[in-house]
Amino acid sequence: MAVSKEVMAIGLIVVAVVAFAAGLFASPYVIPPEEKPETMWDVIQQRGTIKIGSSPDWPPYEYLNLTTGEFIGFEVELMETIAERLNLTVEWIEMSFATIIEEVKAKTIDMGISGFSVRPDRLEVVQFTMYHSITEGQIIMLQSRRDALGITEIDSLEELDTLGLSCGAQDGTTQQEELSEEAPGALRTYADYILALADMKRRAIDSVYAETPITTEWIYDAQEKGEPPLVVVYRRSYYPVAFAVHQDNDILVQKINAELAEMIGSGELDALKKKWRC
């Protein structure tokens, strides 16, 4: 019996539809779906811990509890509060300030938290969270040294060279870079600010260039200990302060920014600043 062309056409269409449907059903088994690449945030979540590099010589932002050896301070408590909200714990890793951003770039740590100023040159190699503070650059001296030199205020960094004053700064900091450009004759570079401050107090150098609230904390600390008073002889507008994160770690930045925004809105951030005299 001859089959009409119409019937043959319908048959072919049915076969094609069945084959297409079978292909859709079987395709996940024949060609597995492409897996999304693992992100840095995925790794942190799986680990349950966020690794943070810091130089604990920057009170009240971060420093060591002399009894327990644990990290304490404003940025420490701020980040631990954020981490808890993200169901993470923090592993604080002590390292020199000058190496932290390089370690972030190398992905050996997840973040750098050490009073980082958000500067254009740093934004070329890392990204930052939203800032939590804006500071002021300050040069401090022993009041007795200032009075002996007849100084009231210094109008520029260049004036340090003009007056023949030495000034300490920590290696890798914004202050060290500024002094190297504007007052190279005055610059004395230290591995950390604790050493610079100690040298100033024993008059091995004339001054120290740092920023608030660290300089403010040093002034309060000298008062509370009954030590010779410290005074500010130079001020300049400064940078916002934030946390440094790898450029590939957008999700972590978004998570932290969301928590920071909530803490700002609720007043929790201001309460922390008041607690730590920031």
C-alpha atoms as a PDB file:
ATOM      1  CA  MET A   1       0.000   0.000   0.000  1.00  0.00           C
ATOM      2  CA  ALA A   2       1.455   3.383  -0.978  1.00  0.00           C
ATOM      3  CA  VAL A   3       2.000   5.954   1.738  1.00  0.00           C
ATOM      4  CA  SER A   4       0.964   9.508   0.931  1.00  0.00           C
ATOM      5  CA  LYS A   5       3.488  12.278   1.015  1.00  0.00           C
ATOM      6  CA  GLU A   6       1.446  14.007   3.707  1.00  0.00           C
ATOM      7  CA  VAL A   7       1.611  11.007   6.039  1.00  0.00           C
ATOM      8  CA  MET A   8       5.345  10.631   5.442  1.00  0.00           C
ATOM      9  CA  ALA A   9       5.906  14.301   6.286  1.00  0.00           C
ATOM     10  CA  ILE A  10       3.921  14.036   9.501  1.00  0.00           C
ATOM     11  CA  GLY A  11       5.889  10.935  10.443  1.00  0.00           C
ATOM     12  CA  LEU A  12       9.194  12.670   9.922  1.00  0.00           C
ATOM     13  CA  ILE A  13       8.074  15.631  12.042  1.00  0.00           C
ATOM     14  CA  VAL A  14       7.040  13.298  14.880  1.00  0.00           C
ATOM     15  CA  VAL A  15      10.401  11.511  14.754  1.00  0.00           C
ATOM     16  CA  ALA A  16      12.241  14.826  14.807  1.00  0.00           C
ATOM     17  CA  VAL A  17      10.262  16.088  17.804  1.00  0.00           C
ATOM     18  CA  VAL A  18      10.812  12.852  19.717  1.00  0.00           C
ATOM     19  CA  ALA A  19      14.525  12.941  18.923  1.00  0.00           C
ATOM     20  CA  PHE A  20      14.784  16.580  20.036  1.00  0.00           C
ATOM     21  CA  ALA A  21      12.987  15.855  23.313  1.00  0.00           C
ATOM     22  CA  ALA A  22      15.194  12.831  23.918  1.00  0.00           C
ATOM     23  CA  GLY A  23      18.237  14.989  23.292  1.00  0.00           C
ATOM     24  CA  LEU A  24      17.086  17.594  25.806  1.00  0.00           C
ATOM     25  CA  PHE A  25      16.519  14.871  28.388  1.00  0.00           C
ATOM     26  CA  ALA A  26      19.823  13.121  27.746  1.00  0.00           C
ATOM     27  CA  SER A  27      22.065  16.173  27.269  1.00  0.00           C
ATOM     28  CA  PRO A  28      22.988  16.651  30.962  1.00  0.00           C
ATOM     29  CA  TYR A  29      24.269  13.077  30.930  1.00  0.00           C
ATOM     30  CA  VAL A  30      26.063  13.302  27.607  1.00  0.00           C
ATOM     31  CA  ILE A  31      27.468  16.855  28.022  1.00  0.00           C
ATOM     32  CA  PRO A  32      27.834  17.773  31.717  1.00  0.00           C
ATOM     33  CA  PRO A  33      26.907  21.378  32.585  1.00  0.00           C
ATOM     34  CA  GLU A  34      29.821  23.774  32.793  1.00  0.00           C
ATOM     35  CA  GLU A  35      30.833  24.359  36.428  1.00  0.00           C
ATOM     36  CA  LYS A  36      31.337  27.890  37.624  1.00  0.00           C
ATOM     37  CA  PRO A  37      34.902  28.623  38.748  1.00  0.00           C
ATOM     38  CA  GLU A  38      35.461  28.724  42.497  1.00  0.00           C
ATOM     39  CA  THR A  39      35.680  32.282  43.830  1.00  0.00           C
ATOM     40  CA  MET A  40      37.837  33.601  46.657  1.00  0.00           C
ATOM     41  CA  TRP A  41      34.648  34.069  48.657  1.00  0.00           C
ATOM     42  CA  ASP A  42      33.806  30.358  48.118  1.00  0.00           C
ATOM     43  CA  VAL A  43      37.206  29.407  49.537  1.00  0.00           C
ATOM     44  CA  ILE A  44      36.734  31.647  52.593  1.00  0.00           C
ATOM     45  CA  GLN A  45      33.262  30.218  53.251  1.00  0.00           C
ATOM     46  CA  GLN A  46      34.472  26.629  52.962  1.00  0.00           C
ATOM     47  CA  ARG A  47      37.363  27.403  55.307  1.00  0.00           C
ATOM     48  CA  GLY A  48      35.123  29.249  57.765  1.00  0.00           C
ATOM     49  CA  THR A  49      38.019  31.540  58.559  1.00  0.00           C
ATOM     50  CA  ILE A  50      39.178  34.826  57.068  1.00  0.00           C
ATOM     51  CA  LYS A  51      42.945  35.382  57.135  1.00  0.00           C
ATOM     52  CA  ILE A  52      43.916  38.977  57.901  1.00  0.00           C
ATOM     53  CA  GLY A  53      47.402  40.451  57.879  1.00  0.00           C
ATOM     54  CA  SER A  54      48.094  43.316  60.261  1.00  0.00           C
ATOM     55  CA  SER A  55      50.921  45.167  61.989  1.00  0.00           C
ATOM     56  CA  PRO A  56      49.756  45.458  65.623  1.00  0.00           C
ATOM     57  CA  ASP A  57      51.637  48.641  66.501  1.00  0.00           C
ATOM     58  CA  TRP A  58      48.959  51.187  65.656  1.00  0.00           C
ATOM     59  CA  PRO A  59      46.813  51.891  68.743  1.00  0.00           C
ATOM     60  CA  PRO A  60      43.905  52.345  69.010  1.00  0.00           C
ATOM     61  CA  TYR A  61      43.321  50.632  65.632  1.00  0.00           C
ATOM     62  CA  GLU A  62      45.269  47.435  66.328  1.00  0.00           C
ATOM     63  CA  TYR A  63      47.804  46.416  68.942  1.00  0.00           C
ATOM     64  CA  LEU A  64      48.606  43.456  71.177  1.00  0.00           C
ATOM     65  CA  ASN A  65      47.156  42.691  74.591  1.00  0.00           C
ATOM     66  CA  LEU A  66      50.368  42.445  76.611  1.00  0.00           C
ATOM     67  CA  THR A  67      48.873  39.758  78.864  1.00  0.00           C
ATOM     68  CA  THR A  68      47.292  37.435  76.304  1.00  0.00           C
ATOM     69  CA  GLY A  69      49.215  38.392  73.146  1.00  0.00           C
ATOM     70  CA  GLU A  70      45.897  38.718  71.289  1.00  0.00           C
ATOM     71  CA  PHE A  71      45.067  41.422  68.762  1.00  0.00           C
ATOM     72  CA  ILE A  72      42.852  44.173  70.165  1.00  0.00           C
ATOM     73  CA  GLY A  73      41.732  47.611  68.997  1.00  0.00           C
ATOM     74  CA  PHE A  74      39.076  49.478  67.043  1.00  0.00           C
ATOM     75  CA  GLU A  75      39.686  47.895  63.629  1.00  0.00           C
ATOM     76  CA  VAL A  76      40.106  44.495  65.283  1.00  0.00           C
ATOM     77  CA  GLU A  77      36.738  44.639  67.039  1.00  0.00           C
ATOM     78  CA  LEU A  78      35.084  46.151  63.975  1.00  0.00           C
ATOM     79  CA  MET A  79      36.275  43.357  61.689  1.00  0.00           C
ATOM     80  CA  GLU A  80      35.505  40.610  64.205  1.00  0.00           C
ATOM     81  CA  THR A  81      31.957  41.961  64.529  1.00  0.00           C
ATOM     82  CA  ILE A  82      31.552  41.917  60.744  1.00  0.00           C
ATOM     83  CA  ALA A  83      33.063  38.431  60.474  1.00  0.00           C
ATOM     84  CA  GLU A  84      30.676  37.078  63.101  1.00  0.00           C
ATOM     85  CA  ARG A  85      27.733  38.421  61.096  1.00  0.00           C
ATOM     86  CA  LEU A  86      29.113  36.618  58.045  1.00  0.00           C
ATOM     87  CA  ASN A  87      29.451  33.369  60.054  1.00  0.00           C
ATOM     88  CA  LEU A  88      33.236  33.531  59.877  1.00  0.00           C
ATOM     89  CA  THR A  89      36.049  33.643  62.407  1.00  0.00           C
ATOM     90  CA  VAL A  90      39.142  35.824  62.020  1.00  0.00           C
ATOM     91  CA  GLU A  91      42.717  34.581  61.945  1.00  0.00           C
ATOM     92  CA  TRP A  92      44.972  37.574  62.690  1.00  0.00           C
ATOM     93  CA  ILE A  93      48.439  37.209  61.190  1.00  0.00           C
ATOM     94  CA  GLU A  94      51.155  39.545  62.425  1.00  0.00           C
ATOM     95  CA  MET A  95      53.411  40.967  59.713  1.00  0.00           C
ATOM     96  CA  SER A  96      55.295  44.139  58.926  1.00  0.00           C
ATOM     97  CA  PHE A  97      53.153  46.940  57.533  1.00  0.00           C
ATOM     98  CA  ALA A  98      55.295  47.253  54.402  1.00  0.00           C
ATOM     99  CA  THR A  99      54.543  43.642  53.346  1.00  0.00           C
ATOM    100  CA  ILE A 100      50.775  43.490  53.894  1.00  0.00           C
ATOM    101  CA  ILE A 101      49.579  44.738  50.505  1.00  0.00           C
ATOM    102  CA  GLU A 102      52.060  42.436  48.731  1.00  0.00           C
ATOM    103  CA  GLU A 103      50.632  39.503  50.705  1.00  0.00           C
ATOM    104  CA  VAL A 104      47.091  40.526  49.730  1.00  0.00           C
ATOM    105  CA  LYS A 105      48.168  40.653  46.067  1.00  0.00           C
ATOM    106  CA  ALA A 106      49.765  37.200  46.374  1.00  0.00           C
ATOM    107  CA  LYS A 107      46.561  35.811  47.973  1.00  0.00           C
ATOM    108  CA  THR A 108      48.478  34.441  50.953  1.00  0.00           C
ATOM    109  CA  ILE A 109      46.037  36.431  53.102  1.00  0.00           C
ATOM    110  CA  ASP A 110      42.450  37.435  52.401  1.00  0.00           C
ATOM    111  CA  MET A 111      42.647  41.006  53.679  1.00  0.00           C
ATOM    112  CA  GLY A 112      44.974  43.655  55.052  1.00  0.00           C
ATOM    113  CA  ILE A 113      43.811  45.675  58.059  1.00  0.00           C
ATOM    114  CA  SER A 114      46.316  48.107  59.496  1.00  0.00           C
ATOM    115  CA  GLY A 115      44.998  51.657  59.289  1.00  0.00           C
ATOM    116  CA  PHE A 116      45.347  51.716  55.496  1.00  0.00           C
ATOM    117  CA  SER A 117      44.876  55.068  53.785  1.00  0.00           C
ATOM    118  CA  VAL A 118      42.915  54.750  50.539  1.00  0.00           C
ATOM    119  CA  ARG A 119      45.378  56.206  48.030  1.00  0.00           C
ATOM    120  CA  PRO A 120      45.337  56.187  44.219  1.00  0.00           C
ATOM    121  CA  ASP A 121      48.587  54.207  43.957  1.00  0.00           C
ATOM    122  CA  ARG A 122      47.261  51.488  46.255  1.00  0.00           C
ATOM    123  CA  LEU A 123      44.021  51.288  44.267  1.00  0.00           C
ATOM    124  CA  GLU A 124      46.110  50.214  41.287  1.00  0.00           C
ATOM    125  CA  VAL A 125      47.066  46.945  43.018  1.00  0.00           C
ATOM    126  CA  VAL A 126      44.291  46.195  45.556  1.00  0.00           C
ATOM    127  CA  GLN A 127      40.718  47.251  46.158  1.00  0.00           C
ATOM    128  CA  PHE A 128      39.303  48.694  49.365  1.00  0.00           C
ATOM    129  CA  THR A 129      36.089  48.339  51.273  1.00  0.00           C
ATOM    130  CA  MET A 130      34.057  51.456  52.005  1.00  0.00           C
ATOM    131  CA  TYR A 131      35.953  53.599  54.501  1.00  0.00           C
ATOM    132  CA  HIS A 132      35.195  53.667  58.216  1.00  0.00           C
ATOM    133  CA  SER A 133      37.113  56.848  59.144  1.00  0.00           C
ATOM    134  CA  ILE A 134      38.914  59.909  57.796  1.00  0.00           C
ATOM    135  CA  THR A 135      42.119  60.896  59.564  1.00  0.00           C
ATOM    136  CA  GLU A 136      44.411  63.913  59.914  1.00  0.00           C
ATOM    137  CA  GLY A 137      48.164  63.814  59.337  1.00  0.00           C
ATOM    138  CA  GLN A 138      50.083  65.135  62.357  1.00  0.00           C
ATOM    139  CA  ILE A 139      53.644  65.687  63.495  1.00  0.00           C
ATOM    140  CA  ILE A 140      54.133  65.406  67.242  1.00  0.00           C
ATOM    141  CA  MET A 141      57.023  66.430  69.478  1.00  0.00           C
ATOM    142  CA  LEU A 142      57.921  66.503  73.124  1.00  0.00           C
ATOM    143  CA  GLN A 143      56.511  69.756  74.461  1.00  0.00           C
ATOM    144  CA  SER A 144      59.842  70.502  76.126  1.00  0.00           C
ATOM    145  CA  ARG A 145      61.695  70.055  72.825  1.00  0.00           C
ATOM    146  CA  ARG A 146      59.227  72.290  70.985  1.00  0.00           C
ATOM    147  CA  ASP A 147      59.550  75.016  73.632  1.00  0.00           C
ATOM    148  CA  ALA A 148      63.349  74.794  73.646  1.00  0.00           C
ATOM    149  CA  LEU A 149      63.389  75.345  69.882  1.00  0.00           C
ATOM    150  CA  GLY A 150      60.889  78.183  70.091  1.00  0.00           C
ATOM    151  CA  ILE A 151      58.473  76.429  67.730  1.00  0.00           C
ATOM    152  CA  THR A 152      54.728  76.947  67.842  1.00  0.00           C
ATOM    153  CA  GLU A 153      53.596  75.357  64.580  1.00  0.00           C
ATOM    154  CA  ILE A 154      55.162  74.021  61.390  1.00  0.00           C
ATOM    155  CA  ASP A 155      53.412  75.109  58.196  1.00  0.00           C
ATOM    156  CA  SER A 156      54.789  72.446  55.844  1.00  0.00           C
ATOM    157  CA  LEU A 157      56.859  69.284  55.790  1.00  0.00           C
ATOM    158  CA  GLU A 158      59.594  71.142  53.931  1.00  0.00           C
ATOM    159  CA  GLU A 159      60.027  73.301  57.023  1.00  0.00           C
ATOM    160  CA  LEU A 160      61.434  70.285  58.855  1.00  0.00           C
ATOM    161  CA  ASP A 161      64.480  70.425  56.577  1.00  0.00           C
ATOM    162  CA  THR A 162      64.712  74.185  56.901  1.00  0.00           C
ATOM    163  CA  LEU A 163      64.741  73.936  60.702  1.00  0.00           C
ATOM    164  CA  GLY A 164      67.115  70.962  60.693  1.00  0.00           C
ATOM    165  CA  LEU A 165      64.634  68.713  62.523  1.00  0.00           C
ATOM    166  CA  SER A 166      64.640  64.929  62.294  1.00  0.00           C
ATOM    167  CA  CYS A 167      61.319  63.127  61.939  1.00  0.00           C
ATOM    168  CA  GLY A 168      60.509  59.438  62.306  1.00  0.00           C
ATOM    169  CA  ALA A 169      58.047  57.423  60.214  1.00  0.00           C
ATOM    170  CA  GLN A 170      57.329  53.746  59.716  1.00  0.00           C
ATOM    171  CA  ASP A 171      58.558  51.988  56.592  1.00  0.00           C
ATOM    172  CA  GLY A 172      55.887  51.618  53.905  1.00  0.00           C
ATOM    173  CA  THR A 173      53.531  54.229  55.336  1.00  0.00           C
ATOM    174  CA  THR A 174      52.056  57.247  53.596  1.00  0.00           C
ATOM    175  CA  GLN A 175      53.975  59.456  56.031  1.00  0.00           C
ATOM    176  CA  GLN A 176      57.302  57.880  55.131  1.00  0.00           C
ATOM    177  CA  GLU A 177      56.651  58.421  51.433  1.00  0.00           C
ATOM    178  CA  GLU A 178      55.621  62.052  51.970  1.00  0.00           C
ATOM    179  CA  LEU A 179      58.706  62.818  54.034  1.00  0.00           C
ATOM    180  CA  SER A 180      60.976  61.168  51.463  1.00  0.00           C
ATOM    181  CA  GLU A 181      59.562  63.516  48.819  1.00  0.00           C
ATOM    182  CA  GLU A 182      59.076  66.739  50.777  1.00  0.00           C
ATOM    183  CA  ALA A 183      61.668  66.591  53.581  1.00  0.00           C
ATOM    184  CA  PRO A 184      64.211  63.860  52.778  1.00  0.00           C
ATOM    185  CA  GLY A 185      66.829  65.346  55.096  1.00  0.00           C
ATOM    186  CA  ALA A 186      64.475  65.026  58.060  1.00  0.00           C
ATOM    187  CA  LEU A 187      63.317  61.450  57.426  1.00  0.00           C
ATOM    188  CA  ARG A 188      64.312  58.669  59.795  1.00  0.00           C
ATOM    189  CA  THR A 189      62.713  55.363  58.769  1.00  0.00           C
ATOM    190  CA  TYR A 190      61.738  52.713  61.339  1.00  0.00           C
ATOM    191  CA  ALA A 191      60.455  49.166  61.129  1.00  0.00           C
ATOM    192  CA  ASP A 192      57.501  50.247  63.260  1.00  0.00           C
ATOM    193  CA  TYR A 193      56.171  53.339  65.006  1.00  0.00           C
ATOM    194  CA  ILE A 194      56.799  51.955  68.485  1.00  0.00           C
ATOM    195  CA  LEU A 195      60.535  52.315  67.868  1.00  0.00           C
ATOM    196  CA  ALA A 196      60.120  55.790  66.374  1.00  0.00           C
ATOM    197  CA  LEU A 197      58.065  56.975  69.353  1.00  0.00           C
ATOM    198  CA  ALA A 198      60.592  55.535  71.807  1.00  0.00           C
ATOM    199  CA  ASP A 199      63.443  57.322  70.020  1.00  0.00           C
ATOM    200  CA  MET A 200      61.575  60.626  70.167  1.00  0.00           C
ATOM    201  CA  LYS A 201      60.907  60.246  73.875  1.00  0.00           C
ATOM    202  CA  ARG A 202      64.618  59.682  74.532  1.00  0.00           C
ATOM    203  CA  ARG A 203      65.431  62.618  72.203  1.00  0.00           C
ATOM    204  CA  ALA A 204      67.251  60.560  69.585  1.00  0.00           C
ATOM    205  CA  ILE A 205      64.961  62.223  67.021  1.00  0.00           C
ATOM    206  CA  ASP A 206      62.996  65.468  67.218  1.00  0.00           C
ATOM    207  CA  SER A 207      59.556  64.396  66.023  1.00  0.00           C
ATOM    208  CA  VAL A 208      57.306  61.680  64.620  1.00  0.00           C
ATOM    209  CA  TYR A 209      54.941  61.987  61.643  1.00  0.00           C
ATOM    210  CA  ALA A 210      51.823  59.795  61.876  1.00  0.00           C
ATOM    211  CA  GLU A 211      48.070  60.356  61.820  1.00  0.00           C
ATOM    212  CA  THR A 212      45.008  60.475  64.017  1.00  0.00           C
ATOM    213  CA  PRO A 213      43.724  58.717  66.017  1.00  0.00           C
ATOM    214  CA  ILE A 214      47.119  57.121  66.642  1.00  0.00           C
ATOM    215  CA  THR A 215      48.828  60.413  67.473  1.00  0.00           C
ATOM    216  CA  THR A 216      45.901  61.293  69.744  1.00  0.00           C
ATOM    217  CA  GLU A 217      46.292  57.954  71.534  1.00  0.00           C
ATOM    218  CA  TRP A 218      50.009  58.587  72.079  1.00  0.00           C
ATOM    219  CA  ILE A 219      49.229  61.998  73.603  1.00  0.00           C
ATOM    220  CA  TYR A 220      46.558  60.522  75.925  1.00  0.00           C
ATOM    221  CA  ASP A 221      48.846  57.632  76.882  1.00  0.00           C
ATOM    222  CA  ALA A 222      51.689  59.985  77.894  1.00  0.00           C
ATOM    223  CA  GLN A 223      49.279  62.014  80.022  1.00  0.00           C
ATOM    224  CA  GLU A 224      47.856  58.946  81.743  1.00  0.00           C
ATOM    225  CA  LYS A 225      51.332  57.564  82.510  1.00  0.00           C
ATOM    226  CA  GLY A 226      52.611  60.912  83.810  1.00  0.00           C
ATOM    227  CA  GLU A 227      55.269  61.044  81.085  1.00  0.00           C
ATOM    228  CA  PRO A 228      56.587  64.284  79.542  1.00  0.00           C
ATOM    229  CA  PRO A 229      53.718  65.746  77.476  1.00  0.00           C
ATOM    230  CA  LEU A 230      53.519  65.423  73.693  1.00  0.00           C
ATOM    231  CA  VAL A 231      52.135  68.158  71.424  1.00  0.00           C
ATOM    232  CA  VAL A 232      51.034  68.507  67.805  1.00  0.00           C
ATOM    233  CA  VAL A 233      53.135  70.947  65.759  1.00  0.00           C
ATOM    234  CA  TYR A 234      51.812  70.185  62.269  1.00  0.00           C
ATOM    235  CA  ARG A 235      48.453  69.139  60.799  1.00  0.00           C
ATOM    236  CA  ARG A 236      47.233  68.346  57.307  1.00  0.00           C
ATOM    237  CA  SER A 237      44.013  67.003  55.833  1.00  0.00           C
ATOM    238  CA  TYR A 238      44.338  63.300  55.158  1.00  0.00           C
ATOM    239  CA  TYR A 239      42.853  60.150  53.653  1.00  0.00           C
ATOM    240  CA  PRO A 240      39.906  57.853  54.327  1.00  0.00           C
ATOM    241  CA  VAL A 241      40.826  54.575  56.055  1.00  0.00           C
ATOM    242  CA  ALA A 242      39.530  51.190  54.892  1.00  0.00           C
ATOM    243  CA  PHE A 243      40.358  47.479  54.576  1.00  0.00           C
ATOM    244  CA  ALA A 244      42.553  46.230  51.705  1.00  0.00           C
ATOM    245  CA  VAL A 245      41.274  43.284  49.650  1.00  0.00           C
ATOM    246  CA  HIS A 246      42.463  41.458  46.516  1.00  0.00           C
ATOM    247  CA  GLN A 247      41.105  42.866  43.262  1.00  0.00           C
ATOM    248  CA  ASP A 248      39.459  39.511  42.454  1.00  0.00           C
ATOM    249  CA  ASN A 249      37.547  39.371  45.722  1.00  0.00           C
ATOM    250  CA  ASP A 250      34.543  41.545  44.831  1.00  0.00           C
ATOM    251  CA  ILE A 251      32.071  39.389  46.743  1.00  0.00           C
ATOM    252  CA  LEU A 252      33.935  39.787  50.034  1.00  0.00           C
ATOM    253  CA  VAL A 253      34.033  43.557  49.564  1.00  0.00           C
ATOM    254  CA  GLN A 254      30.288  43.608  48.877  1.00  0.00           C
ATOM    255  CA  LYS A 255      29.582  41.518  51.996  1.00  0.00           C
ATOM    256  CA  ILE A 256      31.727  43.732  54.228  1.00  0.00           C
ATOM    257  CA  ASN A 257      30.301  46.940  52.783  1.00  0.00           C
ATOM    258  CA  ALA A 258      26.756  45.756  53.484  1.00  0.00           C
ATOM    259  CA  GLU A 259      27.593  45.079  57.133  1.00  0.00           C
ATOM    260  CA  LEU A 260      29.481  48.365  57.488  1.00  0.00           C
ATOM    261  CA  ALA A 261      26.541  50.290  56.073  1.00  0.00           C
ATOM    262  CA  GLU A 262      24.242  48.622  58.569  1.00  0.00           C
ATOM    263  CA  MET A 263      26.580  49.454  61.464  1.00  0.00           C
ATOM    264  CA  ILE A 264      26.761  53.083  60.350  1.00  0.00           C
ATOM    265  CA  GLY A 265      22.985  53.329  60.151  1.00  0.00           C
ATOM    266  CA  SER A 266      22.432  51.701  63.547  1.00  0.00           C
ATOM    267  CA  GLY A 267      25.041  53.851  65.313  1.00  0.00           C
ATOM    268  CA  GLU A 268      27.199  50.806  66.167  1.00  0.00           C
ATOM    269  CA  LEU A 269      30.205  52.198  64.313  1.00  0.00           C
ATOM    270  CA  ASP A 270      30.086  55.481  66.241  1.00  0.00           C
ATOM    271  CA  ALA A 271      29.782  53.538  69.495  1.00  0.00           C
ATOM    272  CA  LEU A 272      32.917  51.548  68.646  1.00  0.00           C
ATOM    273  CA  LYS A 273      34.796  54.746  67.810  1.00  0.00           C
ATOM    274  CA  LYS A 274      33.804  56.228  71.153  1.00  0.00           C
ATOM    275  CA  LYS A 275      34.872  53.073  72.983  1.00  0.00           C
ATOM    276  CA  TRP A 276      38.335  53.105  71.363  1.00  0.00           C
ATOM    277  CA  ARG A 277      38.767  56.916  71.424  1.00  0.00           C
ATOM    278  CA  CYS A 278      38.731  57.195  67.638  1.00  0.00           C
END
